[in-house]
N, C-alpha and C. Protein backbone atom coordinates (compact mmCIF):
# COMPACT_ATOMS: atom_id res chain seq x y z
N UNK A 1 20.10 -17.83 3.82
CA UNK A 1 19.60 -16.51 3.45
C UNK A 1 18.72 -15.98 4.57
N UNK A 2 18.90 -14.73 4.89
CA UNK A 2 18.15 -14.10 5.96
C UNK A 2 16.85 -13.52 5.40
N UNK A 3 15.74 -14.08 5.81
CA UNK A 3 14.43 -13.63 5.32
C UNK A 3 13.82 -12.69 6.35
N UNK A 4 13.48 -11.49 5.92
CA UNK A 4 12.83 -10.57 6.83
C UNK A 4 11.33 -10.61 6.59
N UNK A 5 10.58 -10.13 7.56
CA UNK A 5 9.11 -10.20 7.48
C UNK A 5 8.56 -9.49 6.26
N UNK A 6 9.16 -8.39 5.86
CA UNK A 6 8.69 -7.67 4.68
C UNK A 6 8.81 -8.54 3.43
N UNK A 7 9.92 -9.27 3.32
CA UNK A 7 10.10 -10.18 2.18
C UNK A 7 9.01 -11.25 2.18
N UNK A 8 8.73 -11.78 3.35
CA UNK A 8 7.71 -12.82 3.46
C UNK A 8 6.34 -12.28 3.08
N UNK A 9 6.01 -11.07 3.52
CA UNK A 9 4.72 -10.46 3.17
C UNK A 9 4.61 -10.27 1.67
N UNK A 10 5.69 -9.79 1.05
CA UNK A 10 5.68 -9.57 -0.40
C UNK A 10 5.43 -10.88 -1.12
N UNK A 11 6.14 -11.92 -0.73
CA UNK A 11 5.97 -13.23 -1.38
C UNK A 11 4.55 -13.76 -1.19
N UNK A 12 4.01 -13.61 0.01
CA UNK A 12 2.66 -14.11 0.27
C UNK A 12 1.62 -13.37 -0.56
N UNK A 13 1.78 -12.06 -0.70
CA UNK A 13 0.82 -11.29 -1.47
C UNK A 13 0.88 -11.66 -2.96
N UNK A 14 2.04 -12.12 -3.44
CA UNK A 14 2.15 -12.56 -4.83
C UNK A 14 1.47 -13.91 -5.05
N UNK A 15 1.50 -14.76 -4.04
CA UNK A 15 1.05 -16.14 -4.18
C UNK A 15 -0.43 -16.33 -3.88
N UNK A 16 -0.88 -15.77 -2.80
CA UNK A 16 -2.21 -16.09 -2.30
C UNK A 16 -3.26 -15.29 -3.05
N UNK A 17 -4.05 -15.98 -3.86
CA UNK A 17 -5.07 -15.31 -4.68
C UNK A 17 -6.48 -15.54 -4.17
N UNK A 18 -6.64 -16.29 -3.10
CA UNK A 18 -7.98 -16.53 -2.57
C UNK A 18 -8.43 -15.29 -1.80
N UNK A 19 -9.71 -15.28 -1.47
CA UNK A 19 -10.23 -14.15 -0.70
C UNK A 19 -9.44 -14.06 0.61
N UNK A 20 -9.10 -12.87 0.96
CA UNK A 20 -8.32 -12.67 2.17
C UNK A 20 -9.21 -12.86 3.39
N UNK A 21 -8.61 -13.43 4.42
CA UNK A 21 -9.35 -13.63 5.66
C UNK A 21 -9.74 -12.30 6.29
N UNK A 22 -8.85 -11.35 6.14
CA UNK A 22 -9.19 -9.98 6.54
C UNK A 22 -8.18 -9.04 5.93
N UNK A 23 -8.56 -7.81 5.75
CA UNK A 23 -7.65 -6.79 5.25
C UNK A 23 -7.26 -5.92 6.42
N UNK A 24 -5.98 -5.82 6.65
CA UNK A 24 -5.50 -5.05 7.78
C UNK A 24 -5.59 -3.55 7.51
N UNK A 25 -5.17 -3.16 6.33
CA UNK A 25 -5.17 -1.74 5.99
C UNK A 25 -5.21 -1.61 4.48
N UNK A 26 -6.08 -0.76 3.99
CA UNK A 26 -6.11 -0.53 2.54
C UNK A 26 -6.28 0.96 2.32
N UNK A 27 -5.49 1.50 1.43
CA UNK A 27 -5.67 2.89 1.06
C UNK A 27 -5.10 3.11 -0.34
N UNK A 28 -5.05 4.35 -0.74
CA UNK A 28 -4.64 4.67 -2.10
C UNK A 28 -3.24 4.13 -2.40
N UNK A 29 -2.34 4.16 -1.44
CA UNK A 29 -0.95 3.88 -1.70
C UNK A 29 -0.54 2.43 -1.48
N UNK A 30 -1.18 1.74 -0.59
CA UNK A 30 -0.73 0.40 -0.27
C UNK A 30 -1.85 -0.41 0.32
N UNK A 31 -1.78 -1.71 0.11
CA UNK A 31 -2.77 -2.61 0.69
C UNK A 31 -2.02 -3.71 1.43
N UNK A 32 -2.31 -3.86 2.66
CA UNK A 32 -1.69 -4.89 3.48
C UNK A 32 -2.74 -5.96 3.76
N UNK A 33 -2.44 -7.20 3.46
CA UNK A 33 -3.37 -8.29 3.69
C UNK A 33 -2.81 -9.25 4.71
N UNK A 34 -3.70 -9.82 5.48
CA UNK A 34 -3.31 -10.78 6.51
C UNK A 34 -4.14 -12.03 6.31
N UNK A 35 -3.48 -13.17 6.40
CA UNK A 35 -4.18 -14.44 6.26
C UNK A 35 -4.05 -15.23 7.54
N UNK A 36 -5.09 -15.97 7.88
CA UNK A 36 -5.07 -16.78 9.09
C UNK A 36 -4.38 -18.12 8.87
N UNK A 37 -4.21 -18.53 7.64
CA UNK A 37 -3.61 -19.84 7.36
C UNK A 37 -3.03 -19.85 5.95
N UNK A 38 -2.17 -20.84 5.69
CA UNK A 38 -1.60 -21.07 4.37
C UNK A 38 -1.84 -22.52 3.99
N UNK A 39 -2.22 -22.75 2.75
CA UNK A 39 -2.27 -24.12 2.25
C UNK A 39 -0.84 -24.56 1.92
N UNK A 40 -0.63 -25.86 1.90
CA UNK A 40 0.70 -26.40 1.62
C UNK A 40 1.23 -25.88 0.28
N UNK A 41 0.40 -25.88 -0.76
CA UNK A 41 0.83 -25.42 -2.07
C UNK A 41 1.23 -23.95 -2.04
N UNK A 42 0.48 -23.15 -1.28
CA UNK A 42 0.80 -21.74 -1.17
C UNK A 42 2.15 -21.56 -0.46
N UNK A 43 2.37 -22.32 0.59
CA UNK A 43 3.62 -22.24 1.32
C UNK A 43 4.81 -22.56 0.41
N UNK A 44 4.68 -23.61 -0.37
CA UNK A 44 5.75 -24.01 -1.29
C UNK A 44 6.03 -22.89 -2.29
N UNK A 45 4.99 -22.29 -2.84
CA UNK A 45 5.18 -21.21 -3.82
C UNK A 45 5.82 -19.97 -3.16
N UNK A 46 5.42 -19.67 -1.93
CA UNK A 46 6.03 -18.55 -1.20
C UNK A 46 7.53 -18.80 -1.04
N UNK A 47 7.88 -20.01 -0.66
CA UNK A 47 9.29 -20.33 -0.48
C UNK A 47 10.06 -20.24 -1.81
N UNK A 48 9.43 -20.63 -2.90
CA UNK A 48 10.08 -20.52 -4.21
C UNK A 48 10.34 -19.06 -4.57
N UNK A 49 9.38 -18.21 -4.31
CA UNK A 49 9.56 -16.77 -4.59
C UNK A 49 10.69 -16.22 -3.73
N UNK A 50 10.73 -16.62 -2.46
CA UNK A 50 11.79 -16.12 -1.58
C UNK A 50 13.17 -16.61 -2.03
N UNK A 51 13.21 -17.70 -2.76
CA UNK A 51 14.50 -18.19 -3.26
C UNK A 51 14.97 -17.40 -4.48
N UNK A 52 14.09 -16.55 -5.02
CA UNK A 52 14.43 -15.68 -6.15
C UNK A 52 14.42 -14.23 -5.67
N UNK A 53 15.52 -13.77 -5.10
CA UNK A 53 15.53 -12.43 -4.50
C UNK A 53 15.15 -11.31 -5.47
N UNK A 54 15.35 -11.50 -6.77
CA UNK A 54 15.05 -10.42 -7.72
C UNK A 54 13.56 -10.06 -7.69
N UNK A 55 12.69 -11.05 -7.52
CA UNK A 55 11.24 -10.79 -7.45
C UNK A 55 10.90 -9.94 -6.23
N UNK A 56 11.45 -10.33 -5.10
CA UNK A 56 11.20 -9.60 -3.85
C UNK A 56 11.80 -8.19 -3.93
N UNK A 57 13.01 -8.10 -4.48
CA UNK A 57 13.65 -6.80 -4.62
C UNK A 57 12.86 -5.87 -5.53
N UNK A 58 12.29 -6.40 -6.60
CA UNK A 58 11.46 -5.61 -7.52
C UNK A 58 10.25 -5.03 -6.78
N UNK A 59 9.60 -5.84 -5.97
CA UNK A 59 8.44 -5.37 -5.19
C UNK A 59 8.87 -4.33 -4.17
N UNK A 60 10.00 -4.54 -3.52
CA UNK A 60 10.50 -3.56 -2.55
C UNK A 60 10.74 -2.21 -3.21
N UNK A 61 11.37 -2.25 -4.41
CA UNK A 61 11.63 -1.00 -5.13
C UNK A 61 10.32 -0.28 -5.47
N UNK A 62 9.30 -1.06 -5.88
CA UNK A 62 8.02 -0.46 -6.20
C UNK A 62 7.40 0.19 -4.96
N UNK A 63 7.49 -0.48 -3.81
CA UNK A 63 6.96 0.09 -2.58
C UNK A 63 7.73 1.34 -2.17
N UNK A 64 9.05 1.34 -2.38
CA UNK A 64 9.85 2.52 -2.08
C UNK A 64 9.45 3.68 -2.99
N UNK A 65 9.20 3.38 -4.26
CA UNK A 65 8.75 4.43 -5.19
C UNK A 65 7.40 4.99 -4.77
N UNK A 66 6.50 4.12 -4.35
CA UNK A 66 5.20 4.59 -3.87
C UNK A 66 5.36 5.47 -2.64
N UNK A 67 6.27 5.09 -1.75
CA UNK A 67 6.50 5.89 -0.56
C UNK A 67 7.05 7.27 -0.92
N UNK A 68 7.91 7.34 -1.94
CA UNK A 68 8.43 8.63 -2.39
C UNK A 68 7.29 9.52 -2.90
N UNK A 69 6.36 8.93 -3.66
CA UNK A 69 5.19 9.69 -4.13
C UNK A 69 4.37 10.16 -2.94
N UNK A 70 4.15 9.27 -1.99
CA UNK A 70 3.41 9.63 -0.77
C UNK A 70 4.07 10.83 -0.09
N UNK A 71 5.39 10.78 0.03
CA UNK A 71 6.10 11.87 0.69
C UNK A 71 5.97 13.18 -0.07
N UNK A 72 5.89 13.11 -1.40
CA UNK A 72 5.70 14.32 -2.19
C UNK A 72 4.32 14.94 -1.92
N UNK A 73 3.31 14.08 -1.77
CA UNK A 73 1.96 14.57 -1.47
C UNK A 73 1.89 15.13 -0.05
N UNK A 74 2.65 14.59 0.86
CA UNK A 74 2.63 14.97 2.28
C UNK A 74 3.43 16.25 2.48
N UNK A 75 2.81 17.38 2.15
CA UNK A 75 3.50 18.67 2.16
C UNK A 75 4.08 19.05 3.52
N UNK A 76 3.34 18.79 4.60
CA UNK A 76 3.81 19.19 5.92
C UNK A 76 4.68 18.14 6.60
N UNK A 77 4.93 17.02 5.89
CA UNK A 77 5.77 15.92 6.37
C UNK A 77 5.27 15.36 7.70
N UNK A 78 3.94 15.37 7.86
CA UNK A 78 3.33 14.85 9.08
C UNK A 78 3.09 13.35 9.07
N UNK A 79 3.39 12.70 7.95
CA UNK A 79 3.20 11.25 7.88
C UNK A 79 1.82 10.84 7.39
N UNK A 80 0.99 11.83 7.05
CA UNK A 80 -0.34 11.57 6.51
C UNK A 80 -0.63 12.58 5.41
N UNK A 81 -1.65 12.27 4.61
CA UNK A 81 -2.10 13.19 3.56
C UNK A 81 -3.53 13.58 3.88
N UNK A 82 -3.76 14.87 4.05
CA UNK A 82 -5.11 15.35 4.32
C UNK A 82 -5.75 15.86 3.03
N UNK A 83 -6.96 16.36 3.13
CA UNK A 83 -7.71 16.79 1.95
C UNK A 83 -7.00 17.94 1.22
N UNK A 84 -6.44 18.87 1.96
CA UNK A 84 -5.74 19.99 1.32
C UNK A 84 -4.53 19.49 0.54
N UNK A 85 -3.74 18.62 1.13
CA UNK A 85 -2.55 18.10 0.47
C UNK A 85 -2.91 17.28 -0.77
N UNK A 86 -3.95 16.47 -0.65
CA UNK A 86 -4.39 15.66 -1.79
C UNK A 86 -4.89 16.56 -2.91
N UNK A 87 -5.68 17.57 -2.57
CA UNK A 87 -6.19 18.51 -3.56
C UNK A 87 -5.07 19.27 -4.25
N UNK A 88 -4.09 19.74 -3.46
CA UNK A 88 -2.95 20.47 -4.03
C UNK A 88 -2.19 19.58 -5.01
N UNK A 89 -1.96 18.33 -4.63
CA UNK A 89 -1.21 17.41 -5.49
C UNK A 89 -1.96 17.12 -6.78
N UNK A 90 -3.26 16.88 -6.68
CA UNK A 90 -4.06 16.60 -7.87
C UNK A 90 -4.08 17.79 -8.81
N UNK A 91 -4.24 18.97 -8.24
CA UNK A 91 -4.26 20.19 -9.07
C UNK A 91 -2.91 20.43 -9.72
N UNK A 92 -1.82 20.13 -9.00
CA UNK A 92 -0.47 20.28 -9.56
C UNK A 92 -0.25 19.34 -10.73
N UNK A 93 -0.99 18.23 -10.75
CA UNK A 93 -0.89 17.27 -11.86
C UNK A 93 -1.88 17.59 -12.97
N UNK A 94 -2.58 18.74 -12.84
CA UNK A 94 -3.47 19.17 -13.90
C UNK A 94 -4.91 18.71 -13.76
N UNK A 95 -5.24 18.07 -12.65
CA UNK A 95 -6.62 17.63 -12.43
C UNK A 95 -7.46 18.81 -11.94
N UNK A 96 -8.62 18.97 -12.52
CA UNK A 96 -9.51 20.03 -12.09
C UNK A 96 -10.54 19.41 -11.14
N UNK A 97 -10.26 19.51 -9.86
CA UNK A 97 -11.13 18.91 -8.85
C UNK A 97 -11.57 19.98 -7.86
N UNK A 98 -12.79 19.82 -7.40
CA UNK A 98 -13.30 20.73 -6.37
C UNK A 98 -12.91 20.18 -5.00
N UNK A 99 -13.02 21.04 -3.99
CA UNK A 99 -12.73 20.59 -2.62
C UNK A 99 -13.67 19.46 -2.22
N UNK A 100 -14.91 19.52 -2.66
CA UNK A 100 -15.87 18.46 -2.33
C UNK A 100 -15.49 17.14 -2.99
N UNK A 101 -15.01 17.20 -4.23
CA UNK A 101 -14.57 15.98 -4.91
C UNK A 101 -13.37 15.35 -4.19
N UNK A 102 -12.46 16.20 -3.75
CA UNK A 102 -11.28 15.72 -3.02
C UNK A 102 -11.72 15.07 -1.71
N UNK A 103 -12.63 15.71 -1.00
CA UNK A 103 -13.13 15.13 0.26
C UNK A 103 -13.81 13.79 0.01
N UNK A 104 -14.53 13.68 -1.10
CA UNK A 104 -15.17 12.42 -1.45
C UNK A 104 -14.15 11.32 -1.74
N UNK A 105 -13.08 11.68 -2.48
CA UNK A 105 -12.02 10.71 -2.76
C UNK A 105 -11.37 10.24 -1.47
N UNK A 106 -11.12 11.19 -0.60
CA UNK A 106 -10.48 10.88 0.67
C UNK A 106 -11.37 9.97 1.52
N UNK A 107 -12.65 10.26 1.52
CA UNK A 107 -13.59 9.45 2.31
C UNK A 107 -13.63 7.99 1.83
N UNK A 108 -13.42 7.79 0.52
CA UNK A 108 -13.44 6.42 -0.02
C UNK A 108 -12.30 5.57 0.50
N UNK A 109 -11.17 6.17 0.80
CA UNK A 109 -10.00 5.40 1.22
C UNK A 109 -9.64 5.58 2.70
N UNK A 110 -10.33 6.45 3.38
CA UNK A 110 -10.06 6.70 4.80
C UNK A 110 -10.79 5.65 5.63
N UNK A 111 -10.13 4.53 5.87
CA UNK A 111 -10.79 3.43 6.55
C UNK A 111 -10.80 3.56 8.07
N UNK A 112 -10.06 4.54 8.62
CA UNK A 112 -10.07 4.67 10.08
C UNK A 112 -10.77 5.96 10.55
N UNK A 113 -11.33 6.73 9.60
CA UNK A 113 -12.12 7.90 9.95
C UNK A 113 -11.33 9.11 10.43
N UNK A 114 -10.04 9.15 10.16
CA UNK A 114 -9.23 10.28 10.63
C UNK A 114 -9.28 11.48 9.68
N UNK A 115 -9.79 11.26 8.46
CA UNK A 115 -9.80 12.33 7.47
C UNK A 115 -8.46 12.48 6.79
N UNK A 116 -7.59 11.48 6.97
CA UNK A 116 -6.26 11.52 6.39
C UNK A 116 -5.90 10.13 5.85
N UNK A 117 -4.91 10.11 4.95
CA UNK A 117 -4.41 8.84 4.39
C UNK A 117 -3.05 8.58 5.03
N UNK A 118 -2.89 7.40 5.56
CA UNK A 118 -1.60 6.97 6.12
C UNK A 118 -0.95 6.01 5.12
N UNK A 119 0.36 5.93 5.11
CA UNK A 119 1.04 5.04 4.18
C UNK A 119 0.98 3.59 4.63
N UNK A 120 0.89 3.34 5.88
CA UNK A 120 0.93 1.96 6.41
C UNK A 120 0.09 1.02 5.61
């Protein structure tokens, strides 16, 4: 079976429940975690998950669905969501938010200081 890196990441995120050594990227849509090491038991469990493609496929479908939502919010198709796009999307869903509230939400998840949310 051909295992791609995305499959391996999905399996690792399902198995490893200890504190992460570091978080590579976290935002509203996705969280990517990186670990410096694996314990033997964790490795075995990762391999078991990879032997069950349905689990990995289910996670892939969920990530694809999240990406579709991200693309809906990304009005200008620039690959990021800014405060205006986030505010427009929230208001379209019936949320009554002020521009300041939207900027505050964005600031909570903007870990690189760009003022935008990236899907990565």
